[in-house]
Protein backbone atom coordinates (compact mmCIF):
# COMPACT_ATOMS: atom_id res chain seq x y z
CA UNK A 1 -24.63 -8.19 8.19
CA UNK A 2 -20.94 -9.12 8.46
CA UNK A 3 -18.02 -10.78 6.68
CA UNK A 4 -15.17 -12.19 8.78
CA UNK A 5 -11.95 -14.06 7.95
CA UNK A 6 -10.31 -15.83 10.92
CA UNK A 7 -7.82 -18.52 11.90
CA UNK A 8 -9.07 -21.47 13.99
CA UNK A 9 -7.01 -24.55 14.91
CA UNK A 10 -4.72 -23.85 11.96
CA UNK A 11 -7.54 -23.56 9.40
CA UNK A 12 -8.71 -20.39 7.66
CA UNK A 13 -12.42 -19.69 8.04
CA UNK A 14 -14.66 -17.34 6.07
CA UNK A 15 -17.98 -16.47 7.68
CA UNK A 16 -20.54 -14.03 6.35
CA UNK A 17 -24.15 -13.14 6.98
CA UNK A 18 -26.22 -11.10 4.53
CA UNK A 19 -29.21 -10.76 6.83
CA UNK A 20 -30.82 -14.20 6.78
CA UNK A 21 -28.27 -16.87 7.73
CA UNK A 22 -24.56 -17.33 8.44
CA UNK A 23 -22.43 -19.09 5.79
CA UNK A 24 -19.19 -20.86 6.78
CA UNK A 25 -16.31 -21.92 4.53
CA UNK A 26 -13.11 -23.52 5.87
CA UNK A 27 -9.82 -24.12 4.07
CA UNK A 28 -8.94 -27.69 3.11
CA UNK A 29 -5.38 -27.47 4.41
CA UNK A 30 -3.86 -26.05 7.57
CA UNK A 31 -1.72 -22.92 7.66
CA UNK A 32 1.95 -23.60 8.33
CA UNK A 33 2.91 -21.74 11.52
CA UNK A 34 6.71 -21.85 11.36
CA UNK A 35 6.80 -18.05 11.13
CA UNK A 36 8.83 -17.98 7.91
CA UNK A 37 6.19 -18.82 5.29
CA UNK A 38 3.91 -16.27 3.65
CA UNK A 39 0.47 -17.49 2.58
CA UNK A 40 -1.73 -16.15 -0.20
CA UNK A 41 -5.40 -15.83 0.74
CA UNK A 42 -8.34 -14.83 -1.45
CA UNK A 43 -11.84 -14.82 -0.02
CA UNK A 44 -15.16 -13.18 -0.77
CA UNK A 45 -18.61 -13.63 -2.18
CA UNK A 46 -20.55 -13.14 -5.39
CA UNK A 47 -24.14 -12.59 -4.40
CA UNK A 48 -24.62 -15.10 -1.58
CA UNK A 49 -22.14 -17.65 -2.96
CA UNK A 50 -18.82 -17.59 -1.07
CA UNK A 51 -15.32 -18.62 -2.12
CA UNK A 52 -12.08 -19.24 -0.24
CA UNK A 53 -8.67 -19.78 -1.82
CA UNK A 54 -5.61 -20.55 0.34
CA UNK A 55 -2.31 -20.88 -1.54
CA UNK A 56 -4.11 -21.77 -4.77
CA UNK A 57 -6.46 -24.41 -3.32
CA UNK A 58 -9.97 -23.10 -3.93
CA UNK A 59 -13.34 -24.01 -2.50
CA UNK A 60 -16.81 -22.48 -2.88
CA UNK A 61 -20.10 -22.64 -1.03
CA UNK A 62 -22.93 -23.28 -3.46
CA UNK A 63 -25.49 -20.50 -3.29
CA UNK A 64 -29.02 -21.09 -2.07
CA UNK A 65 -31.97 -18.67 -2.31
CA UNK A 66 -31.68 -15.74 0.09
CA UNK A 67 -30.15 -12.32 0.57
CA UNK A 68 -27.28 -11.41 -1.76
CA UNK A 69 -26.06 -7.98 -0.64
CA UNK A 70 -23.62 -7.23 2.21
CA UNK A 71 -24.86 -4.12 4.04
CA UNK A 72 -22.59 -3.29 6.99
CA UNK A 73 -22.14 0.49 7.36
CA UNK A 74 -19.16 -0.06 9.69
CA UNK A 75 -15.41 0.44 9.65
CA UNK A 76 -13.13 -2.24 8.21
CA UNK A 77 -10.94 -3.94 10.84
CA UNK A 78 -7.68 -5.83 10.18
CA UNK A 79 -6.05 -8.12 12.78
CA UNK A 80 -8.47 -7.28 15.58
CA UNK A 81 -11.14 -4.85 16.71
CA UNK A 82 -11.21 -1.84 19.03
CA UNK A 83 -13.92 -3.48 21.16
CA UNK A 84 -15.08 -7.12 21.33
CA UNK A 85 -18.65 -5.83 21.40
CA UNK A 86 -18.24 -5.05 17.69
CA UNK A 87 -17.83 -8.75 16.84
CA UNK A 88 -21.04 -10.55 15.97
CA UNK A 89 -21.37 -13.75 18.02
CA UNK A 90 -21.90 -15.74 14.79
CA UNK A 91 -18.74 -14.36 13.15
CA UNK A 92 -16.36 -16.64 15.09
CA UNK A 93 -16.59 -20.08 16.67
CA UNK A 94 -15.08 -19.26 20.07
CA UNK A 95 -14.46 -16.05 22.00
CA UNK A 96 -12.92 -13.52 19.58
CA UNK A 97 -9.19 -12.88 19.94
CA UNK A 98 -6.82 -10.69 17.96
CA UNK A 99 -4.54 -12.05 15.24
CA UNK A 100 -0.86 -12.68 15.98
CA UNK A 101 1.32 -12.66 12.90
CA UNK A 102 2.07 -10.62 9.82
CA UNK A 103 -0.30 -9.26 7.15
CA UNK A 104 0.60 -7.50 3.91
CA UNK A 105 -0.91 -6.61 0.53
CA UNK A 106 -4.60 -6.35 1.44
CA UNK A 107 -6.92 -5.67 -1.48
CA UNK A 108 -10.66 -5.08 -1.07
CA UNK A 109 -12.63 -4.97 -4.34
CA UNK A 110 -9.32 -4.55 -6.23
CA UNK A 111 -8.31 -1.51 -4.14
CA UNK A 112 -5.28 -1.79 -1.87
CA UNK A 113 -5.58 -0.93 1.82
CA UNK A 114 -2.32 0.80 2.66
CA UNK A 115 -1.14 -0.51 6.04
CA UNK A 116 0.87 2.56 7.01
CA UNK A 117 0.91 4.93 9.96
CA UNK A 118 -1.05 7.67 8.17
CA UNK A 119 -3.57 5.89 5.92
CA UNK A 120 -5.86 3.97 8.34
CA UNK A 121 -8.40 5.76 10.56
CA UNK A 122 -6.80 4.26 13.67
CA UNK A 123 -5.15 1.25 15.27
CA UNK A 124 -3.11 0.02 18.23
CA UNK A 125 -0.20 -2.31 19.05
CA UNK A 126 0.88 -2.81 15.43
CA UNK A 127 4.59 -3.08 14.62
CA UNK A 128 6.80 -3.46 11.59
CA UNK A 129 6.70 -7.13 10.65
CA UNK A 130 9.97 -6.98 8.74
CA UNK A 131 11.79 -5.84 11.86
CA UNK A 132 13.82 -3.22 9.99
CA UNK A 133 13.23 0.17 8.42
CA UNK A 134 13.13 -1.52 5.02
CA UNK A 135 9.74 -3.10 5.59
CA UNK A 136 7.92 -4.56 2.58
CA UNK A 137 8.19 -2.98 -0.89
CA UNK A 138 9.38 0.34 0.58
CA UNK A 139 11.55 0.51 -2.54
CA UNK A 140 9.27 0.71 -5.57
CA UNK A 141 9.72 -0.73 -9.08
CA UNK A 142 11.95 -3.66 -8.01
CA UNK A 143 14.37 -1.45 -6.10
CA UNK A 144 16.63 -3.08 -3.49
CA UNK A 145 16.40 -1.85 0.11
CA UNK A 146 19.44 -1.51 2.39
CA UNK A 147 19.29 -0.73 6.11
CA UNK A 148 21.28 2.37 7.09
CA UNK A 149 22.06 3.96 10.46
CA UNK A 150 19.77 6.84 9.52
CA UNK A 151 17.01 4.57 8.20
CA UNK A 152 17.23 2.95 4.78
CA UNK A 153 18.35 3.57 1.21
CA UNK A 154 17.17 2.16 -2.11
CA UNK A 155 19.30 0.90 -4.97
CA UNK A 156 17.21 1.55 -8.07
CA UNK A 157 17.03 -0.21 -11.46
CA UNK A 158 18.41 1.84 -14.39
CA UNK A 159 15.01 3.27 -15.44
CA UNK A 160 14.07 4.62 -11.99
CA UNK A 161 15.33 7.29 -9.57
CA UNK A 162 14.23 8.89 -6.30
CA UNK A 163 14.58 8.01 -2.62
CA UNK A 164 12.21 5.04 -3.07
CA UNK A 165 12.70 4.48 -6.84
CA UNK A 166 9.29 6.07 -7.37
CA UNK A 167 10.14 8.30 -10.33
CA UNK A 168 10.95 7.36 -13.91
CA UNK A 169 14.34 8.61 -15.05
CA UNK A 170 12.59 10.11 -18.07
CA UNK A 171 10.53 12.39 -15.78
CA UNK A 172 13.33 13.32 -13.37
CA UNK A 173 13.89 16.70 -15.04
CA UNK A 174 10.52 17.21 -16.72
CA UNK A 175 9.16 20.63 -17.68
CA UNK A 176 5.50 19.81 -17.02
CA UNK A 177 3.68 22.80 -15.56
CA UNK A 178 1.07 23.39 -12.89
CA UNK A 179 -0.53 20.19 -11.52
CA UNK A 180 0.39 18.31 -14.69
CA UNK A 181 1.30 14.62 -14.73
CA UNK A 182 4.52 13.40 -16.31
CA UNK A 183 4.04 10.15 -18.24
CA UNK A 184 7.35 8.45 -19.16
CA UNK A 185 7.86 7.22 -22.72
CA UNK A 186 10.73 4.69 -22.34
CA UNK A 187 10.81 3.67 -26.02
CA UNK A 188 11.61 7.24 -27.07
CA UNK A 189 13.65 8.07 -23.93
CA UNK A 190 11.27 10.97 -23.33
CA UNK A 191 7.99 11.89 -21.64
CA UNK A 192 4.66 13.60 -22.27
CA UNK A 193 2.76 16.00 -20.03
CA UNK A 194 -0.87 15.32 -19.14
CA UNK A 195 -2.52 18.65 -18.39
CA UNK A 196 -4.78 19.35 -15.45
CA UNK A 197 -8.15 20.96 -16.10
CA UNK A 198 -7.70 24.57 -17.21
CA UNK A 199 -4.24 24.09 -18.75
CA UNK A 200 -2.96 23.13 -22.21
CA UNK A 201 0.19 23.09 -24.32
CA UNK A 202 3.09 20.67 -24.67
CA UNK A 203 4.21 21.47 -21.12
CA UNK A 204 0.76 22.42 -19.78
CA UNK A 205 1.88 26.01 -19.27
CA UNK A 206 -0.96 27.80 -21.11
CA UNK A 207 -4.03 28.74 -19.09
CA UNK A 208 -7.36 28.11 -20.86
CA UNK A 209 -11.08 28.62 -20.23
CA UNK A 210 -13.97 26.87 -21.93
CA UNK A 211 -17.72 26.39 -21.91
CA UNK A 212 -17.55 23.40 -24.24
CA UNK A 213 -15.33 20.54 -23.04
CA UNK A 214 -13.36 18.67 -25.69
CA UNK A 215 -12.37 15.07 -24.86
CA UNK A 216 -9.60 13.32 -26.78
CA UNK A 217 -10.07 9.69 -25.67
CA UNK A 218 -7.71 9.81 -22.69
CA UNK A 219 -9.57 12.64 -20.93
CA UNK A 220 -11.92 12.85 -17.98
CA UNK A 221 -13.72 15.30 -15.72
CA UNK A 222 -14.74 14.38 -12.18
CA UNK A 223 -17.45 16.65 -10.78
CA UNK A 224 -18.53 16.61 -7.13
CA UNK A 225 -22.13 17.71 -6.62
CA UNK A 226 -22.19 20.31 -3.79
CA UNK A 227 -25.94 19.79 -3.29
CA UNK A 228 -25.86 15.99 -3.06
CA UNK A 229 -26.91 15.93 0.60
CA UNK A 230 -30.10 17.84 -0.23
CA UNK A 231 -31.10 15.88 -3.32
CA UNK A 232 -34.22 13.72 -3.57
CA UNK A 233 -32.48 10.63 -4.90
CA UNK A 234 -35.75 8.94 -5.91
CA UNK A 235 -36.23 11.57 -8.61
CA UNK A 236 -32.98 12.29 -10.45
CA UNK A 237 -32.33 13.94 -13.79
CA UNK A 238 -29.36 14.75 -16.01
CA UNK A 239 -29.24 16.49 -19.38
CA UNK A 240 -26.42 17.51 -21.71
CA UNK A 241 -25.42 18.14 -25.31
CA UNK A 242 -22.74 16.05 -27.02
CA UNK A 243 -21.15 15.65 -30.42
CA UNK A 244 -18.80 12.95 -31.68
CA UNK A 245 -17.70 10.97 -34.73
CA UNK A 246 -17.04 7.78 -32.73
CA UNK A 247 -19.43 4.83 -32.39
CA UNK A 248 -18.28 3.86 -28.87
CA UNK A 249 -17.65 5.88 -25.74
CA UNK A 250 -18.73 6.66 -22.17
CA UNK A 251 -20.27 10.13 -22.03
CA UNK A 252 -21.24 10.36 -18.36
CA UNK A 253 -21.19 8.10 -15.30
CA UNK A 254 -23.21 9.31 -12.29
CA UNK A 255 -21.71 7.28 -9.45
CA UNK A 256 -18.54 6.78 -7.46
CA UNK A 257 -17.26 4.01 -9.73
CA UNK A 258 -15.19 2.58 -6.88
CA UNK A 259 -16.63 -0.91 -6.54
CA UNK A 260 -19.34 -3.06 -8.05
CA UNK A 261 -21.86 -2.33 -5.28
CA UNK A 262 -22.07 1.39 -6.11
CA UNK A 263 -25.31 2.73 -7.63
CA UNK A 264 -24.92 4.50 -10.97
CA UNK A 265 -26.61 6.03 -13.97
CA UNK A 266 -24.54 5.91 -17.16
CA UNK A 267 -24.95 7.38 -20.64
CA UNK A 268 -22.79 6.41 -23.57
CA UNK A 269 -22.56 5.06 -27.09
CA UNK A 270 -22.59 1.46 -28.25
CA UNK A 271 -22.43 0.67 -31.97
CA UNK A 272 -23.32 4.27 -32.73
CA UNK A 273 -26.54 4.08 -30.71
CA UNK A 274 -27.32 5.78 -27.41
CA UNK A 275 -27.05 3.41 -24.45
CA UNK A 276 -28.25 4.16 -20.92
CA UNK A 277 -27.55 1.87 -17.94
CA UNK A 278 -29.14 2.15 -14.47
CA UNK A 279 -28.15 0.39 -11.24
CA UNK A 280 -30.23 1.19 -8.15
CA UNK A 281 -28.91 -1.66 -5.99
CA UNK A 282 -27.82 -5.31 -5.71
CA UNK A 283 -25.54 -4.94 -8.74
CA UNK A 284 -28.56 -5.26 -11.02
CA UNK A 285 -27.52 -3.18 -14.04
CA UNK A 286 -30.36 -2.59 -16.47
CA UNK A 287 -29.16 -1.51 -19.96
CA UNK A 288 -31.63 0.53 -21.98
CA UNK A 289 -30.86 0.76 -25.68
CA UNK A 290 -32.83 2.63 -28.28
CA UNK A 291 -34.96 0.11 -30.19
CA UNK A 292 -34.72 1.80 -33.55
CA UNK A 293 -31.27 2.44 -34.98
CA UNK A 294 -30.20 6.05 -34.97
CA UNK A 295 -26.66 7.26 -35.51
CA UNK A 296 -25.33 9.53 -32.78
CA UNK A 297 -21.85 9.72 -34.29
CA UNK A 298 -22.56 12.13 -37.14
CA UNK A 299 -20.60 15.07 -35.64
CA UNK A 300 -23.86 16.94 -35.02
CA UNK A 301 -24.92 18.18 -31.60
CA UNK A 302 -27.37 15.88 -29.84
CA UNK A 303 -29.36 16.73 -26.71
CA UNK A 304 -29.95 13.87 -24.26
CA UNK A 305 -31.98 13.85 -21.04
CA UNK A 306 -32.42 10.94 -18.62
CA UNK A 307 -35.13 11.18 -15.96
CA UNK A 308 -35.41 8.69 -13.10
CA UNK A 309 -38.68 8.65 -11.17
CA UNK A 310 -38.05 5.86 -8.65
CA UNK A 311 -37.82 2.82 -10.96
CA UNK A 312 -39.39 4.47 -14.01
CA UNK A 313 -36.82 5.69 -16.52
CA UNK A 314 -37.41 8.10 -19.39
CA UNK A 315 -34.74 8.86 -21.99
CA UNK A 316 -35.10 11.76 -24.43
CA UNK A 317 -32.86 12.19 -27.47
CA UNK A 318 -33.16 15.50 -29.29
CA UNK A 319 -36.37 16.13 -27.30
CA UNK A 320 -37.97 12.89 -28.55
CA UNK A 321 -38.92 10.26 -25.96
CA UNK A 322 -37.03 7.16 -27.11
CA UNK A 323 -37.13 4.99 -23.97
CA UNK A 324 -39.79 4.70 -21.27
CA UNK A 325 -39.38 1.69 -19.01
CA UNK A 326 -40.05 0.55 -15.45
CA UNK A 327 -36.91 -1.38 -14.53
CA UNK A 328 -38.41 -2.88 -11.35
CA UNK A 329 -42.20 -2.91 -10.93
CA UNK A 330 -41.74 -4.34 -7.41
CA UNK A 331 -40.04 -1.09 -6.32
CA UNK A 332 -37.39 -2.88 -4.24
CA UNK A 333 -34.79 -0.15 -4.80
CA UNK A 334 -36.02 3.30 -5.79
CA UNK A 335 -33.15 5.74 -5.05
CA UNK A 336 -30.05 6.56 -7.09
CA UNK A 337 -27.41 6.72 -4.35
CA UNK A 338 -24.67 7.96 -6.66
CA UNK A 339 -22.48 9.52 -3.96
CA UNK A 340 -22.53 13.00 -5.47
CA UNK A 341 -19.88 12.06 -8.08
CA UNK A 342 -20.23 12.51 -11.85
CA UNK A 343 -17.55 11.42 -14.32
CA UNK A 344 -17.54 12.81 -17.86
CA UNK A 345 -15.66 11.19 -20.74
CA UNK A 346 -13.94 8.53 -18.66
CA UNK A 347 -12.23 7.90 -15.35
CA UNK A 348 -8.95 8.81 -13.66
CA UNK A 349 -5.67 8.22 -15.51
CA UNK A 350 -4.94 4.49 -15.53
CA UNK A 351 -8.57 3.40 -14.94
CA UNK A 352 -9.92 1.91 -18.16
CA UNK A 353 -13.60 2.39 -19.00
CA UNK A 354 -14.19 -1.23 -20.03
CA UNK A 355 -12.78 -2.44 -16.70
CA UNK A 356 -14.50 0.07 -14.38
CA UNK A 357 -17.85 -0.43 -16.13
CA UNK A 358 -17.33 -4.22 -16.36
CA UNK A 359 -17.79 -4.16 -20.11
CA UNK A 360 -20.95 -2.02 -20.20
CA UNK A 361 -18.97 0.55 -22.22
CA UNK A 362 -15.88 -0.22 -24.23
CA UNK A 363 -13.83 2.96 -24.35
CA UNK A 364 -13.39 6.57 -23.28
CA UNK A 365 -15.35 9.34 -25.01
CA UNK A 366 -13.90 11.29 -27.91
CA UNK A 367 -15.88 14.40 -28.74
CA UNK A 368 -17.42 17.44 -27.04
CA UNK A 369 -19.85 17.98 -24.15
CA UNK A 370 -21.68 21.13 -23.09
CA UNK A 371 -24.73 22.43 -21.17
CA UNK A 372 -24.72 19.82 -18.40
CA UNK A 373 -27.56 20.18 -15.88
CA UNK A 374 -28.43 18.02 -12.86
CA UNK A 375 -31.86 17.46 -11.35
CA UNK A 376 -33.99 20.61 -11.70
CA UNK A 377 -31.09 23.03 -11.15
CA UNK A 378 -31.55 26.33 -12.93
CA UNK A 379 -27.79 26.72 -13.43
CA UNK A 380 -25.65 24.45 -15.58
CA UNK A 381 -22.57 22.75 -14.18
CA UNK A 382 -19.35 24.74 -14.54
CA UNK A 383 -17.10 21.95 -15.77
CA UNK A 384 -14.07 24.26 -15.58
CA UNK A 385 -14.31 24.21 -11.77
CA UNK A 386 -14.18 20.41 -11.52
CA UNK A 387 -11.20 18.03 -11.45
CA UNK A 388 -9.81 16.44 -14.59
CA UNK A 389 -7.03 15.94 -17.10
CA UNK A 390 -6.51 16.21 -20.86
CA UNK A 391 -9.66 18.27 -21.44
CA UNK A 392 -9.41 21.04 -24.01
CA UNK A 393 -11.30 24.09 -25.16
CA UNK A 394 -14.03 22.90 -27.50
CA UNK A 395 -15.48 26.35 -28.16
CA UNK A 396 -13.99 26.35 -31.63
CA UNK A 397 -14.34 23.92 -34.52
CA UNK A 398 -11.05 22.09 -34.18
């Protein structure tokens, strides 16, 4: 499999192969090569249907039956490759050659690839396209860059300070404690502190311990499974207790949550009813919702267990089997390749639940979680030892 974007005779080409045949799309117009014009390019595929947009002129390749997943398992190359042997003969029309020109602002699945010295795995013969130490957007938040003998300096807008205008003026002298995040509040000319896991208080300076995690709606815990490499991913299991008074919320997301191709198992609430969603591959998300209405937002503790046996899913609520379904009798995908990552209550600060889950769940969880167990592990997860923010001690009725 491959996906390649190239320049041929002034036209942009998108070629991709999902395992059965090579699809080719070519831009309608030529790229101006005067060296002073930046072009905006968007290209990709949804299933096996491709699209190519150059400077706002869009074209698509109508999908036909066939493969619809890109499975490469290789590094991502920009501008060229380390060896021509890595280029599939069907990926380009002529002999492959490296790109000459400038590239900036690369986003893959809505995540930016930072084209710096330290971020990529490697590279060669790449220079600064701007030709000065200012480069592109080195000054953040609309700061103005000026070349100096010693490098560069940034002239910052009134609300921002720092060598690259990276810090809000409201957080320049913050009192936030250990590992806390300072969130500026421009309307009140102030800031709030978002506490790392294990800390609380206005300035996150009070150490806390808990066995019950309390989520306030802008909280999350990210747990990395140390035994992931030894798991039998065709037979997964997760169980936990939760309590809430909200009708909507994401309780747990087993999966990396980085892009839409990631496998996942999710548990949450929709209209006050338990909702479980499974994705074992090809972006096929199967929502399983309890057929009979039962309120899970009554502030009582509820015990939920989800068991995946290849494509057979069992869901227990308060020890009663409420869902038993085979989501794919053909057994095309049978393993939950969740990457060893479990999110509880939500995702990292700034990542909204409804966006990351593409609308499967509407908001972050507000309530309490305890007694989380994975697979057949005899010991419960110690949530205190994970990563997270804005999680409080739920051991008391508060």
